[in-house]
Amino acid sequence: MNNLFDIDKTEILKISAKQGTGVEDVLAAVIEKIPSPEYDREKPLRAFVFDSWYDRFKGVVAHIAVCDGVVKKGERVICASSGKKYEITEVGILYPMQVPSDSLYAGQVGYAMMNMRNIDEAQIGDTFFHEKSSVQPLPGFKSATPMVFAGMFPTDQSEFPNLRSAIEKLTLNDRSVQVKADNSPALGQGYRLGFLGLLHMDVFSQRLDQEFDTSVIITAPNVAYKMKIKGEKNLKLYGTDVITVLNPCLMPEPSIITEYYEPMVNGTIISPSEYINELTALCIDHRGRVKDQSYIDSTRIILRAIFPLSEILVDFFDELKSMSSGYARYLKTIYRSL
């Protein structure tokens, strides 16, 4: 750990989720090392929504962090983004189940119910405040950028309303999923979804099946390409000089394109040193470029390379694991000119 990440070994906590050991040390370290958030119970209410989910009987349940003031059952609050007014029907803490209480004070984290029936009413990153107060909304979360896109279509078109409802409820507490309506001549109505990665896509599709009994057809994953265009007429038409294209059928005329960009991934591979030749060949086969390599110790090597994201979407990691006992992880994604 010290060689790989330059972490002081005295700062490393030993913990096993499987055996449950070391958990108390982690909790103590959180209290000791992470500064307490600033809050003031005398100020007007500001409650930050950091998660939400849908209860079929009670509607939307918002998980909130009370940053200022106090919120009580029966009070009326306003949503900062929409301006809608709600009455608090229940508040409480998660322990880990829902434990109702009369109020939540600044510095506490809990849940709130407000008779919300529309899943879009509890947006993650939103702020709620009292009806008669004027406060500055809290800064929200920065939206994650999807990197992998795939189409999802119901196996039977009569199930499309159920798929739509299931996707709406799942995306309620997973705002990183980008959703756009799609239509295929072969598969019918469906959605084009954007995910953070392949694992994210797999987990989402499994939840659709397990939690909503929704069977879907998933198209092969692809990535978004960017193109720089020219001409005043075209700039007015698209509203920008750099456009993003997911479907090749929607590409503009090649004559107006000046540059193409594809998403790239900076990858780090850690492996036993005897596999270095095979790893280098694997990177080259996937249009990768090795930037540098160094020895961690006498038996392991760390290799850093840059790849086109499209080249490692499907089978790269399977090939890597079958070739060696190496591991890979993304550091960041950039767009490179083609």
C-alpha atoms as a PDB file:
ATOM      1  CA  MET A   1       0.000   0.000   0.000  1.00  0.00           C
ATOM      2  CA  ASN A   2       2.861   2.337   0.807  1.00  0.00           C
ATOM      3  CA  ASN A   3       4.609   1.694  -2.520  1.00  0.00           C
ATOM      4  CA  LEU A   4       1.440   1.796  -4.610  1.00  0.00           C
ATOM      5  CA  PHE A   5      -0.364   4.774  -3.145  1.00  0.00           C
ATOM      6  CA  ASP A   6       2.260   6.527  -1.004  1.00  0.00           C
ATOM      7  CA  ILE A   7       0.181   6.011   2.145  1.00  0.00           C
ATOM      8  CA  ASP A   8       1.834   6.017   5.556  1.00  0.00           C
ATOM      9  CA  LYS A   9       1.509   2.438   6.811  1.00  0.00           C
ATOM     10  CA  THR A  10       0.687   3.684  10.311  1.00  0.00           C
ATOM     11  CA  GLU A  11      -2.446   5.300   8.838  1.00  0.00           C
ATOM     12  CA  ILE A  12      -3.741   2.060   7.298  1.00  0.00           C
ATOM     13  CA  LEU A  13      -6.622   0.457   9.192  1.00  0.00           C
ATOM     14  CA  LYS A  14      -7.019  -3.315   9.035  1.00  0.00           C
ATOM     15  CA  ILE A  15     -10.642  -4.307   8.538  1.00  0.00           C
ATOM     16  CA  SER A  16     -12.513  -7.397   7.381  1.00  0.00           C
ATOM     17  CA  ALA A  17     -16.102  -7.019   6.238  1.00  0.00           C
ATOM     18  CA  LYS A  18     -16.402 -10.806   6.116  1.00  0.00           C
ATOM     19  CA  GLN A  19     -15.268 -11.370   9.700  1.00  0.00           C
ATOM     20  CA  GLY A  20     -16.499  -8.051  11.080  1.00  0.00           C
ATOM     21  CA  THR A  21     -13.126  -7.155  12.582  1.00  0.00           C
ATOM     22  CA  GLY A  22     -11.728  -3.644  12.782  1.00  0.00           C
ATOM     23  CA  VAL A  23     -15.094  -1.909  12.367  1.00  0.00           C
ATOM     24  CA  GLU A  24     -14.837  -0.079  15.694  1.00  0.00           C
ATOM     25  CA  ASP A  25     -11.440   1.322  14.688  1.00  0.00           C
ATOM     26  CA  VAL A  26     -12.925   2.697  11.460  1.00  0.00           C
ATOM     27  CA  LEU A  27     -15.818   4.359  13.289  1.00  0.00           C
ATOM     28  CA  ALA A  28     -13.407   5.895  15.790  1.00  0.00           C
ATOM     29  CA  ALA A  29     -11.186   7.147  12.949  1.00  0.00           C
ATOM     30  CA  VAL A  30     -14.181   8.759  11.216  1.00  0.00           C
ATOM     31  CA  ILE A  31     -14.955  10.734  14.372  1.00  0.00           C
ATOM     32  CA  GLU A  32     -11.310  11.651  14.933  1.00  0.00           C
ATOM     33  CA  LYS A  33     -10.133  12.464  11.398  1.00  0.00           C
ATOM     34  CA  ILE A  34     -13.192  13.742   9.506  1.00  0.00           C
ATOM     35  CA  PRO A  35     -14.242  17.234  10.587  1.00  0.00           C
ATOM     36  CA  SER A  36     -17.784  17.685  11.825  1.00  0.00           C
ATOM     37  CA  PRO A  37     -20.091  19.540   9.414  1.00  0.00           C
ATOM     38  CA  GLU A  38     -20.997  23.101  10.310  1.00  0.00           C
ATOM     39  CA  TYR A  39     -24.600  23.602  11.432  1.00  0.00           C
ATOM     40  CA  ASP A  40     -26.737  26.022  13.426  1.00  0.00           C
ATOM     41  CA  ARG A  41     -30.014  25.036  15.077  1.00  0.00           C
ATOM     42  CA  GLU A  42     -31.005  28.684  15.534  1.00  0.00           C
ATOM     43  CA  LYS A  43     -30.983  29.467  11.809  1.00  0.00           C
ATOM     44  CA  PRO A  44     -33.947  28.885   9.450  1.00  0.00           C
ATOM     45  CA  LEU A  45     -34.395  25.319   8.256  1.00  0.00           C
ATOM     46  CA  ARG A  46     -32.256  23.995   5.404  1.00  0.00           C
ATOM     47  CA  ALA A  47     -32.618  20.262   4.740  1.00  0.00           C
ATOM     48  CA  PHE A  48     -30.459  18.634   2.057  1.00  0.00           C
ATOM     49  CA  VAL A  49     -31.812  15.640   0.090  1.00  0.00           C
ATOM     50  CA  PHE A  50     -29.017  13.116  -0.469  1.00  0.00           C
ATOM     51  CA  ASP A  51     -31.064  10.030  -1.360  1.00  0.00           C
ATOM     52  CA  SER A  52     -34.645   8.951  -1.968  1.00  0.00           C
ATOM     53  CA  TRP A  53     -36.665   5.860  -2.747  1.00  0.00           C
ATOM     54  CA  TYR A  54     -40.259   4.901  -3.485  1.00  0.00           C
ATOM     55  CA  ASP A  55     -42.583   3.147  -1.030  1.00  0.00           C
ATOM     56  CA  ARG A  56     -45.670   1.783  -2.764  1.00  0.00           C
ATOM     57  CA  PHE A  57     -47.835   2.633   0.264  1.00  0.00           C
ATOM     58  CA  LYS A  58     -46.301   5.893   1.528  1.00  0.00           C
ATOM     59  CA  GLY A  59     -44.931   7.379  -1.671  1.00  0.00           C
ATOM     60  CA  VAL A  60     -41.502   8.971  -1.962  1.00  0.00           C
ATOM     61  CA  VAL A  61     -39.247   8.740   1.102  1.00  0.00           C
ATOM     62  CA  ALA A  62     -36.524  11.404   1.124  1.00  0.00           C
ATOM     63  CA  HIS A  63     -33.291  10.894   3.060  1.00  0.00           C
ATOM     64  CA  ILE A  64     -32.238  14.287   4.381  1.00  0.00           C
ATOM     65  CA  ALA A  65     -29.376  15.927   6.236  1.00  0.00           C
ATOM     66  CA  VAL A  66     -30.608  18.825   8.355  1.00  0.00           C
ATOM     67  CA  CYS A  67     -27.912  21.467   7.922  1.00  0.00           C
ATOM     68  CA  ASP A  68     -29.640  24.334   9.757  1.00  0.00           C
ATOM     69  CA  GLY A  69     -32.687  24.725  11.980  1.00  0.00           C
ATOM     70  CA  VAL A  70     -35.190  22.028  12.885  1.00  0.00           C
ATOM     71  CA  VAL A  71     -37.937  20.210  10.973  1.00  0.00           C
ATOM     72  CA  LYS A  72     -41.017  18.822  12.724  1.00  0.00           C
ATOM     73  CA  LYS A  73     -43.923  16.606  11.792  1.00  0.00           C
ATOM     74  CA  GLY A  74     -46.885  18.686  10.610  1.00  0.00           C
ATOM     75  CA  GLU A  75     -44.819  21.651   9.384  1.00  0.00           C
ATOM     76  CA  ARG A  76     -45.053  22.966   5.838  1.00  0.00           C
ATOM     77  CA  VAL A  77     -41.898  23.130   3.740  1.00  0.00           C
ATOM     78  CA  ILE A  78     -40.970  24.315   0.258  1.00  0.00           C
ATOM     79  CA  CYS A  79     -38.797  22.619  -2.354  1.00  0.00           C
ATOM     80  CA  ALA A  80     -36.099  25.021  -3.569  1.00  0.00           C
ATOM     81  CA  SER A  81     -35.958  23.740  -7.162  1.00  0.00           C
ATOM     82  CA  SER A  82     -39.683  23.480  -7.924  1.00  0.00           C
ATOM     83  CA  GLY A  83     -41.250  25.863  -5.399  1.00  0.00           C
ATOM     84  CA  LYS A  84     -43.831  23.218  -4.469  1.00  0.00           C
ATOM     85  CA  LYS A  85     -45.176  23.163  -0.916  1.00  0.00           C
ATOM     86  CA  TYR A  86     -45.532  20.041   1.211  1.00  0.00           C
ATOM     87  CA  GLU A  87     -46.675  19.055   4.672  1.00  0.00           C
ATOM     88  CA  ILE A  88     -44.304  16.859   6.662  1.00  0.00           C
ATOM     89  CA  THR A  89     -46.283  13.705   7.494  1.00  0.00           C
ATOM     90  CA  GLU A  90     -43.427  11.809   9.148  1.00  0.00           C
ATOM     91  CA  VAL A  91     -39.779  12.328  10.084  1.00  0.00           C
ATOM     92  CA  GLY A  92     -37.354  10.016  11.800  1.00  0.00           C
ATOM     93  CA  ILE A  93     -33.922   8.445  11.855  1.00  0.00           C
ATOM     94  CA  LEU A  94     -32.539   5.298  10.234  1.00  0.00           C
ATOM     95  CA  TYR A  95     -31.360   2.875  12.894  1.00  0.00           C
ATOM     96  CA  PRO A  96     -30.980   1.098  10.411  1.00  0.00           C
ATOM     97  CA  MET A  97     -34.742   0.692  10.002  1.00  0.00           C
ATOM     98  CA  GLN A  98     -37.007   3.730  10.015  1.00  0.00           C
ATOM     99  CA  VAL A  99     -37.615   4.993  13.557  1.00  0.00           C
ATOM    100  CA  PRO A 100     -40.198   7.830  13.593  1.00  0.00           C
ATOM    101  CA  SER A 101     -39.607  10.883  15.786  1.00  0.00           C
ATOM    102  CA  ASP A 102     -41.277  14.242  16.353  1.00  0.00           C
ATOM    103  CA  SER A 103     -38.459  16.273  14.820  1.00  0.00           C
ATOM    104  CA  LEU A 104     -34.983  16.326  13.291  1.00  0.00           C
ATOM    105  CA  TYR A 105     -32.428  18.921  14.383  1.00  0.00           C
ATOM    106  CA  ALA A 106     -29.470  20.506  12.595  1.00  0.00           C
ATOM    107  CA  GLY A 107     -26.599  18.029  12.521  1.00  0.00           C
ATOM    108  CA  GLN A 108     -28.907  15.005  12.292  1.00  0.00           C
ATOM    109  CA  VAL A 109     -29.466  12.731   9.316  1.00  0.00           C
ATOM    110  CA  GLY A 110     -32.794  10.995   8.801  1.00  0.00           C
ATOM    111  CA  TYR A 111     -35.798  10.600   6.542  1.00  0.00           C
ATOM    112  CA  ALA A 112     -38.894  12.644   5.731  1.00  0.00           C
ATOM    113  CA  MET A 113     -42.247  11.804   4.139  1.00  0.00           C
ATOM    114  CA  MET A 114     -44.369  14.522   2.544  1.00  0.00           C
ATOM    115  CA  ASN A 115     -47.081  12.693   0.576  1.00  0.00           C
ATOM    116  CA  MET A 116     -45.005  12.884  -2.591  1.00  0.00           C
ATOM    117  CA  ARG A 117     -46.444  10.596  -5.270  1.00  0.00           C
ATOM    118  CA  ASN A 118     -44.311  11.717  -8.173  1.00  0.00           C
ATOM    119  CA  ILE A 119     -40.804  10.269  -8.035  1.00  0.00           C
ATOM    120  CA  ASP A 120     -39.325  13.426  -9.598  1.00  0.00           C
ATOM    121  CA  GLU A 121     -40.350  15.558  -6.612  1.00  0.00           C
ATOM    122  CA  ALA A 122     -37.447  14.466  -4.377  1.00  0.00           C
ATOM    123  CA  GLN A 123     -34.416  15.333  -6.467  1.00  0.00           C
ATOM    124  CA  ILE A 124     -31.064  14.385  -4.976  1.00  0.00           C
ATOM    125  CA  GLY A 125     -29.138  17.566  -4.140  1.00  0.00           C
ATOM    126  CA  ASP A 126     -32.298  19.622  -3.550  1.00  0.00           C
ATOM    127  CA  THR A 127     -32.982  21.825  -0.507  1.00  0.00           C
ATOM    128  CA  PHE A 128     -36.164  22.068   1.583  1.00  0.00           C
ATOM    129  CA  PHE A 129     -36.932  25.020   3.841  1.00  0.00           C
ATOM    130  CA  HIS A 130     -39.828  26.407   5.882  1.00  0.00           C
ATOM    131  CA  GLU A 131     -42.709  28.044   4.066  1.00  0.00           C
ATOM    132  CA  LYS A 132     -42.225  31.545   5.488  1.00  0.00           C
ATOM    133  CA  SER A 133     -38.429  31.709   5.478  1.00  0.00           C
ATOM    134  CA  SER A 134     -36.036  32.930   2.800  1.00  0.00           C
ATOM    135  CA  VAL A 135     -32.777  30.998   2.634  1.00  0.00           C
ATOM    136  CA  GLN A 136     -29.999  30.298   0.162  1.00  0.00           C
ATOM    137  CA  PRO A 137     -30.309  26.727  -1.216  1.00  0.00           C
ATOM    138  CA  LEU A 138     -27.439  24.402  -0.417  1.00  0.00           C
ATOM    139  CA  PRO A 139     -25.058  23.552  -3.277  1.00  0.00           C
ATOM    140  CA  GLY A 140     -26.140  20.314  -4.915  1.00  0.00           C
ATOM    141  CA  PHE A 141     -24.172  17.376  -6.237  1.00  0.00           C
ATOM    142  CA  LYS A 142     -22.255  17.521  -9.478  1.00  0.00           C
ATOM    143  CA  SER A 143     -23.882  15.104 -11.897  1.00  0.00           C
ATOM    144  CA  ALA A 144     -21.801  12.102 -12.908  1.00  0.00           C
ATOM    145  CA  THR A 145     -20.978  11.742 -16.608  1.00  0.00           C
ATOM    146  CA  PRO A 146     -22.183   8.476 -18.187  1.00  0.00           C
ATOM    147  CA  MET A 147     -19.541   6.737 -20.280  1.00  0.00           C
ATOM    148  CA  VAL A 148     -21.269   3.514 -21.425  1.00  0.00           C
ATOM    149  CA  PHE A 149     -24.574   3.539 -23.303  1.00  0.00           C
ATOM    150  CA  ALA A 150     -26.982   0.718 -24.134  1.00  0.00           C
ATOM    151  CA  GLY A 151     -30.548   0.314 -25.313  1.00  0.00           C
ATOM    152  CA  MET A 152     -33.119  -1.387 -23.071  1.00  0.00           C
ATOM    153  CA  PHE A 153     -36.319  -2.732 -24.577  1.00  0.00           C
ATOM    154  CA  PRO A 154     -39.079  -4.883 -23.034  1.00  0.00           C
ATOM    155  CA  THR A 155     -39.212  -8.456 -24.313  1.00  0.00           C
ATOM    156  CA  ASP A 156     -42.925  -7.846 -24.904  1.00  0.00           C
ATOM    157  CA  GLN A 157     -44.063  -4.389 -26.024  1.00  0.00           C
ATOM    158  CA  SER A 158     -47.170  -4.701 -23.836  1.00  0.00           C
ATOM    159  CA  GLU A 159     -44.777  -4.515 -20.859  1.00  0.00           C
ATOM    160  CA  PHE A 160     -43.402  -1.104 -21.850  1.00  0.00           C
ATOM    161  CA  PRO A 161     -45.463   0.816 -19.207  1.00  0.00           C
ATOM    162  CA  ASN A 162     -44.073  -1.514 -16.526  1.00  0.00           C
ATOM    163  CA  LEU A 163     -40.520  -0.955 -17.791  1.00  0.00           C
ATOM    164  CA  ARG A 164     -41.043   2.809 -17.761  1.00  0.00           C
ATOM    165  CA  SER A 165     -42.331   2.707 -14.172  1.00  0.00           C
ATOM    166  CA  ALA A 166     -39.479   0.438 -13.033  1.00  0.00           C
ATOM    167  CA  ILE A 167     -36.791   2.655 -14.606  1.00  0.00           C
ATOM    168  CA  GLU A 168     -38.331   5.784 -13.069  1.00  0.00           C
ATOM    169  CA  LYS A 169     -38.282   4.217  -9.603  1.00  0.00           C
ATOM    170  CA  LEU A 170     -34.741   2.858  -9.927  1.00  0.00           C
ATOM    171  CA  THR A 171     -33.332   6.157 -11.156  1.00  0.00           C
ATOM    172  CA  LEU A 172     -34.910   7.885  -8.169  1.00  0.00           C
ATOM    173  CA  ASN A 173     -31.909   6.897  -6.030  1.00  0.00           C
ATOM    174  CA  ASP A 174     -29.409   6.459  -8.850  1.00  0.00           C
ATOM    175  CA  ARG A 175     -29.182   9.829 -10.571  1.00  0.00           C
ATOM    176  CA  SER A 176     -26.024   8.822 -12.429  1.00  0.00           C
ATOM    177  CA  VAL A 177     -28.153   6.869 -14.934  1.00  0.00           C
ATOM    178  CA  GLN A 178     -29.018   8.955 -17.985  1.00  0.00           C
ATOM    179  CA  VAL A 179     -32.403   8.084 -19.521  1.00  0.00           C
ATOM    180  CA  LYS A 180     -33.665   8.950 -23.006  1.00  0.00           C
ATOM    181  CA  ALA A 181     -36.618   7.513 -24.904  1.00  0.00           C
ATOM    182  CA  ASP A 182     -35.644   5.366 -27.880  1.00  0.00           C
ATOM    183  CA  ASN A 183     -37.442   3.547 -30.662  1.00  0.00           C
ATOM    184  CA  SER A 184     -36.163   0.640 -32.694  1.00  0.00           C
ATOM    185  CA  PRO A 185     -37.783  -0.697 -35.894  1.00  0.00           C
ATOM    186  CA  ALA A 186     -36.995  -4.219 -34.668  1.00  0.00           C
ATOM    187  CA  LEU A 187     -37.444  -3.950 -30.889  1.00  0.00           C
ATOM    188  CA  GLY A 188     -40.096  -1.237 -30.591  1.00  0.00           C
ATOM    189  CA  GLN A 189     -40.315   1.335 -27.810  1.00  0.00           C
ATOM    190  CA  GLY A 190     -37.563   1.402 -25.224  1.00  0.00           C
ATOM    191  CA  TYR A 191     -34.886   3.555 -23.658  1.00  0.00           C
ATOM    192  CA  ARG A 192     -31.311   4.559 -24.328  1.00  0.00           C
ATOM    193  CA  LEU A 193     -29.559   4.502 -20.953  1.00  0.00           C
ATOM    194  CA  GLY A 194     -26.172   5.902 -19.987  1.00  0.00           C
ATOM    195  CA  PHE A 195     -24.116   4.260 -17.230  1.00  0.00           C
ATOM    196  CA  LEU A 196     -20.840   4.918 -15.444  1.00  0.00           C
ATOM    197  CA  GLY A 197     -19.472   1.569 -16.604  1.00  0.00           C
ATOM    198  CA  LEU A 198     -20.284  -2.042 -17.506  1.00  0.00           C
ATOM    199  CA  LEU A 199     -20.665  -3.119 -13.871  1.00  0.00           C
ATOM    200  CA  HIS A 200     -23.093  -0.261 -13.302  1.00  0.00           C
ATOM    201  CA  MET A 201     -25.113  -1.441 -16.314  1.00  0.00           C
ATOM    202  CA  ASP A 202     -25.135  -5.062 -15.103  1.00  0.00           C
ATOM    203  CA  VAL A 203     -26.279  -4.117 -11.597  1.00  0.00           C
ATOM    204  CA  PHE A 204     -29.043  -1.886 -12.980  1.00  0.00           C
ATOM    205  CA  SER A 205     -30.404  -4.630 -15.256  1.00  0.00           C
ATOM    206  CA  GLN A 206     -30.263  -7.175 -12.405  1.00  0.00           C
ATOM    207  CA  ARG A 207     -32.251  -4.827 -10.165  1.00  0.00           C
ATOM    208  CA  LEU A 208     -34.873  -4.445 -12.890  1.00  0.00           C
ATOM    209  CA  ASP A 209     -35.274  -8.215 -12.938  1.00  0.00           C
ATOM    210  CA  GLN A 210     -35.063  -8.922  -9.200  1.00  0.00           C
ATOM    211  CA  GLU A 211     -36.981  -5.949  -7.777  1.00  0.00           C
ATOM    212  CA  PHE A 212     -39.560  -5.346 -10.509  1.00  0.00           C
ATOM    213  CA  ASP A 213     -39.702  -8.695 -12.341  1.00  0.00           C
ATOM    214  CA  THR A 214     -39.023  -6.839 -15.581  1.00  0.00           C
ATOM    215  CA  SER A 215     -37.423  -8.767 -18.420  1.00  0.00           C
ATOM    216  CA  VAL A 216     -35.502  -6.637 -20.925  1.00  0.00           C
ATOM    217  CA  ILE A 217     -33.437  -6.934 -24.078  1.00  0.00           C
ATOM    218  CA  ILE A 218     -30.140  -5.052 -23.726  1.00  0.00           C
ATOM    219  CA  THR A 219     -28.292  -3.961 -26.838  1.00  0.00           C
ATOM    220  CA  ALA A 220     -24.515  -4.118 -27.101  1.00  0.00           C
ATOM    221  CA  PRO A 221     -22.884  -1.297 -25.094  1.00  0.00           C
ATOM    222  CA  ASN A 222     -21.326   1.581 -26.981  1.00  0.00           C
ATOM    223  CA  VAL A 223     -19.700   4.933 -26.273  1.00  0.00           C
ATOM    224  CA  ALA A 224     -20.388   8.526 -27.263  1.00  0.00           C
ATOM    225  CA  TYR A 225     -18.178  10.248 -29.822  1.00  0.00           C
ATOM    226  CA  LYS A 226     -17.727  13.988 -30.175  1.00  0.00           C
ATOM    227  CA  MET A 227     -17.375  15.902 -33.403  1.00  0.00           C
ATOM    228  CA  LYS A 228     -16.334  19.458 -34.124  1.00  0.00           C
ATOM    229  CA  ILE A 229     -18.355  21.084 -36.880  1.00  0.00           C
ATOM    230  CA  LYS A 230     -17.951  24.199 -39.023  1.00  0.00           C
ATOM    231  CA  GLY A 231     -20.212  26.705 -40.746  1.00  0.00           C
ATOM    232  CA  GLU A 232     -22.397  29.401 -39.179  1.00  0.00           C
ATOM    233  CA  LYS A 233     -25.590  27.724 -40.377  1.00  0.00           C
ATOM    234  CA  ASN A 234     -24.573  24.434 -38.773  1.00  0.00           C
ATOM    235  CA  LEU A 235     -23.539  26.124 -35.530  1.00  0.00           C
ATOM    236  CA  LYS A 236     -26.991  27.713 -35.297  1.00  0.00           C
ATOM    237  CA  LEU A 237     -28.660  24.381 -36.112  1.00  0.00           C
ATOM    238  CA  TYR A 238     -26.813  22.403 -33.428  1.00  0.00           C
ATOM    239  CA  GLY A 239     -26.311  25.276 -30.988  1.00  0.00           C
ATOM    240  CA  THR A 240     -22.638  24.427 -30.463  1.00  0.00           C
ATOM    241  CA  ASP A 241     -19.461  23.715 -32.410  1.00  0.00           C
ATOM    242  CA  VAL A 242     -18.880  20.340 -30.667  1.00  0.00           C
ATOM    243  CA  ILE A 243     -21.696  17.782 -30.823  1.00  0.00           C
ATOM    244  CA  THR A 244     -22.037  14.374 -29.153  1.00  0.00           C
ATOM    245  CA  VAL A 245     -23.230  11.388 -31.194  1.00  0.00           C
ATOM    246  CA  LEU A 246     -24.336   7.981 -29.892  1.00  0.00           C
ATOM    247  CA  ASN A 247     -26.015   6.579 -32.987  1.00  0.00           C
ATOM    248  CA  PRO A 248     -24.044   6.451 -36.273  1.00  0.00           C
ATOM    249  CA  CYS A 249     -27.316   7.107 -38.117  1.00  0.00           C
ATOM    250  CA  LEU A 250     -27.468  10.538 -36.473  1.00  0.00           C
ATOM    251  CA  MET A 251     -24.021  11.667 -37.618  1.00  0.00           C
ATOM    252  CA  PRO A 252     -23.962  14.952 -39.541  1.00  0.00           C
ATOM    253  CA  GLU A 253     -22.594  15.174 -43.052  1.00  0.00           C
ATOM    254  CA  PRO A 254     -18.825  14.445 -43.088  1.00  0.00           C
ATOM    255  CA  SER A 255     -18.243  17.639 -45.067  1.00  0.00           C
ATOM    256  CA  ILE A 256     -19.123  19.825 -42.057  1.00  0.00           C
ATOM    257  CA  ILE A 257     -16.987  17.863 -39.569  1.00  0.00           C
ATOM    258  CA  THR A 258     -13.492  19.199 -38.921  1.00  0.00           C
ATOM    259  CA  GLU A 259     -12.427  16.868 -36.092  1.00  0.00           C
ATOM    260  CA  TYR A 260     -13.515  13.628 -34.451  1.00  0.00           C
ATOM    261  CA  TYR A 261     -12.959  12.815 -30.765  1.00  0.00           C
ATOM    262  CA  GLU A 262     -13.258   9.503 -28.955  1.00  0.00           C
ATOM    263  CA  PRO A 263     -13.335   8.839 -25.182  1.00  0.00           C
ATOM    264  CA  MET A 264     -10.055   7.580 -23.764  1.00  0.00           C
ATOM    265  CA  VAL A 265      -9.251   5.864 -20.481  1.00  0.00           C
ATOM    266  CA  ASN A 266      -6.111   6.195 -18.398  1.00  0.00           C
ATOM    267  CA  GLY A 267      -5.640   2.702 -16.963  1.00  0.00           C
ATOM    268  CA  THR A 268      -3.364   1.229 -14.336  1.00  0.00           C
ATOM    269  CA  ILE A 269      -2.512  -2.481 -14.425  1.00  0.00           C
ATOM    270  CA  ILE A 270      -0.800  -4.264 -11.556  1.00  0.00           C
ATOM    271  CA  SER A 271       0.531  -7.729 -12.290  1.00  0.00           C
ATOM    272  CA  PRO A 272       3.294 -10.239 -11.560  1.00  0.00           C
ATOM    273  CA  SER A 273       6.354  -9.097 -13.496  1.00  0.00           C
ATOM    274  CA  GLU A 274       6.638 -12.314 -15.541  1.00  0.00           C
ATOM    275  CA  TYR A 275       3.554 -11.305 -17.556  1.00  0.00           C
ATOM    276  CA  ILE A 276       4.916  -7.955 -18.746  1.00  0.00           C
ATOM    277  CA  ASN A 277       5.391  -9.040 -22.381  1.00  0.00           C
ATOM    278  CA  GLU A 278       1.888 -10.499 -22.626  1.00  0.00           C
ATOM    279  CA  LEU A 279       0.387  -7.394 -21.002  1.00  0.00           C
ATOM    280  CA  THR A 280       2.167  -5.074 -23.407  1.00  0.00           C
ATOM    281  CA  ALA A 281       0.908  -7.104 -26.371  1.00  0.00           C
ATOM    282  CA  LEU A 282      -2.629  -7.036 -24.949  1.00  0.00           C
ATOM    283  CA  CYS A 283      -2.524  -3.261 -24.664  1.00  0.00           C
ATOM    284  CA  ILE A 284      -1.322  -2.878 -28.253  1.00  0.00           C
ATOM    285  CA  ASP A 285      -4.020  -5.270 -29.521  1.00  0.00           C
ATOM    286  CA  HIS A 286      -6.634  -2.984 -27.951  1.00  0.00           C
ATOM    287  CA  ARG A 287      -5.136   0.193 -29.477  1.00  0.00           C
ATOM    288  CA  GLY A 288      -3.554   1.052 -26.167  1.00  0.00           C
ATOM    289  CA  ARG A 289      -0.369   3.047 -25.669  1.00  0.00           C
ATOM    290  CA  VAL A 290       1.881   2.209 -22.736  1.00  0.00           C
ATOM    291  CA  LYS A 291       2.988   5.446 -21.068  1.00  0.00           C
ATOM    292  CA  ASP A 292       5.293   4.046 -18.403  1.00  0.00           C
ATOM    293  CA  GLN A 293       5.993   1.006 -16.273  1.00  0.00           C
ATOM    294  CA  SER A 294       7.802   0.500 -12.994  1.00  0.00           C
ATOM    295  CA  TYR A 295       8.474  -2.214 -10.445  1.00  0.00           C
ATOM    296  CA  ILE A 296       6.550  -2.133  -7.172  1.00  0.00           C
ATOM    297  CA  ASP A 297       8.849  -4.755  -5.690  1.00  0.00           C
ATOM    298  CA  SER A 298      10.891  -7.692  -6.936  1.00  0.00           C
ATOM    299  CA  THR A 299       7.825  -9.654  -8.104  1.00  0.00           C
ATOM    300  CA  ARG A 300       5.200  -7.100  -9.183  1.00  0.00           C
ATOM    301  CA  ILE A 301       5.048  -4.429 -11.835  1.00  0.00           C
ATOM    302  CA  ILE A 302       2.740  -1.473 -12.385  1.00  0.00           C
ATOM    303  CA  LEU A 303       1.933  -0.495 -15.959  1.00  0.00           C
ATOM    304  CA  ARG A 304       0.162   2.704 -16.997  1.00  0.00           C
ATOM    305  CA  ALA A 305      -1.473   2.973 -20.401  1.00  0.00           C
ATOM    306  CA  ILE A 306      -4.100   4.955 -22.289  1.00  0.00           C
ATOM    307  CA  PHE A 307      -6.885   3.135 -24.183  1.00  0.00           C
ATOM    308  CA  PRO A 308      -9.896   4.016 -26.322  1.00  0.00           C
ATOM    309  CA  LEU A 309     -12.889   3.284 -24.088  1.00  0.00           C
ATOM    310  CA  SER A 310     -14.616   1.396 -26.917  1.00  0.00           C
ATOM    311  CA  GLU A 311     -11.728  -1.101 -27.031  1.00  0.00           C
ATOM    312  CA  ILE A 312     -12.003  -2.226 -23.403  1.00  0.00           C
ATOM    313  CA  LEU A 313     -15.778  -2.276 -22.963  1.00  0.00           C
ATOM    314  CA  VAL A 314     -16.466  -5.924 -23.652  1.00  0.00           C
ATOM    315  CA  ASP A 315     -13.656  -8.433 -23.305  1.00  0.00           C
ATOM    316  CA  PHE A 316     -10.532  -6.578 -22.169  1.00  0.00           C
ATOM    317  CA  PHE A 317     -10.788  -7.419 -18.479  1.00  0.00           C
ATOM    318  CA  ASP A 318     -11.671 -11.058 -19.170  1.00  0.00           C
ATOM    319  CA  GLU A 319      -8.549 -11.347 -21.306  1.00  0.00           C
ATOM    320  CA  LEU A 320      -6.495  -9.596 -18.645  1.00  0.00           C
ATOM    321  CA  LYS A 321      -7.642 -11.931 -15.878  1.00  0.00           C
ATOM    322  CA  SER A 322      -7.152 -15.063 -17.955  1.00  0.00           C
ATOM    323  CA  MET A 323      -3.674 -13.887 -18.907  1.00  0.00           C
ATOM    324  CA  SER A 324      -2.475 -13.042 -15.400  1.00  0.00           C
ATOM    325  CA  SER A 325      -3.529 -12.265 -11.889  1.00  0.00           C
ATOM    326  CA  GLY A 326      -3.496  -8.551 -12.703  1.00  0.00           C
ATOM    327  CA  TYR A 327      -5.995  -5.893 -11.739  1.00  0.00           C
ATOM    328  CA  ALA A 328      -7.045  -2.765 -13.598  1.00  0.00           C
ATOM    329  CA  ARG A 329      -8.899   0.387 -12.670  1.00  0.00           C
ATOM    330  CA  TYR A 330      -9.961   3.624 -14.346  1.00  0.00           C
ATOM    331  CA  LEU A 331      -8.322   6.846 -13.239  1.00  0.00           C
ATOM    332  CA  LYS A 332     -10.055   9.328 -15.521  1.00  0.00           C
ATOM    333  CA  THR A 333     -11.588   9.596 -18.965  1.00  0.00           C
ATOM    334  CA  ILE A 334     -10.674  12.148 -21.607  1.00  0.00           C
ATOM    335  CA  TYR A 335     -11.533  12.751 -25.269  1.00  0.00           C
ATOM    336  CA  ARG A 336      -8.741  12.502 -27.825  1.00  0.00           C
ATOM    337  CA  SER A 337      -8.760  13.650 -31.430  1.00  0.00           C
ATOM    338  CA  LEU A 338      -8.978  10.792 -33.928  1.00  0.00           C
END
